[in-house]
Amino acid sequence: MTTFGFIRFAVGLFALTFVVLSAIPHAFPVMVATMVKPVSRLPTFEWRSERGVRRDWEDSQTSQSDGNVVRDNLRRELLQASTGYELSPCDDTIRANLIEALTNYARAWYELTNCRPGGSDCPNSGDDRSNAAAAAFKTPADIRVHDALRKALEQGGISREDFPAPLRPYVYILADAGFYEPQAVCMAGRQARHH
């Protein structure tokens, strides 16, 4: 046998082996057992739990808001005023800035709670309006603002009487921890400046 004949024989044997091996699965089907996870259309407790943990983590790490530009500006102003007052509670200008920022923030909540039905973004029933206002002011950004406000009010020097009467209940709710007695140091300094 010549070299050329041997090469033809080897190529033919290779082709025959390839054809036979590729035809075997089709000619002789083999049963293969596989595990298929059942698909559930209802979310499981585990899925909801993981989603809740993820949302809690995101809320604690971010300052996401509801995306309303007006409320975002009010949040920013109140956060800045609260931080300033916490650092310098005896300054009359900073105190006035905090009262103004908190008044504007409470007014936005008041207006959302008492909006006229049929208007833009105003639910028809009173309960729905209250729920919408609570949801709009309970974003992670609001939680950070409320924490800063609470720390500022712990310094004392601001009371419910500093705010317009219709807004006082809302200011009290926003203050969460309540109002504290003015600090003696600030009171003495204010009395000295006003006399």
Foldseek 3Di string as FASTA:
>chain_A
DDPVVVVVVVVVVVVVVVVVVVCVCVVPPDDDDDDDDDDDPDDDPVVVVVVVVVVVVCLVVDQDAPPDPVLVVLLVQLLVLLQVLLVPVLDPVSVVSNLVSLQVNLVVLVCQLPPDPPDPPHHDDNVVSNVVSVVNQPGSSNVSSLVSLLSSQVQADDALVSYDPVSSVSSQVSVVVHHDHHDPVSVVVVVVVVD
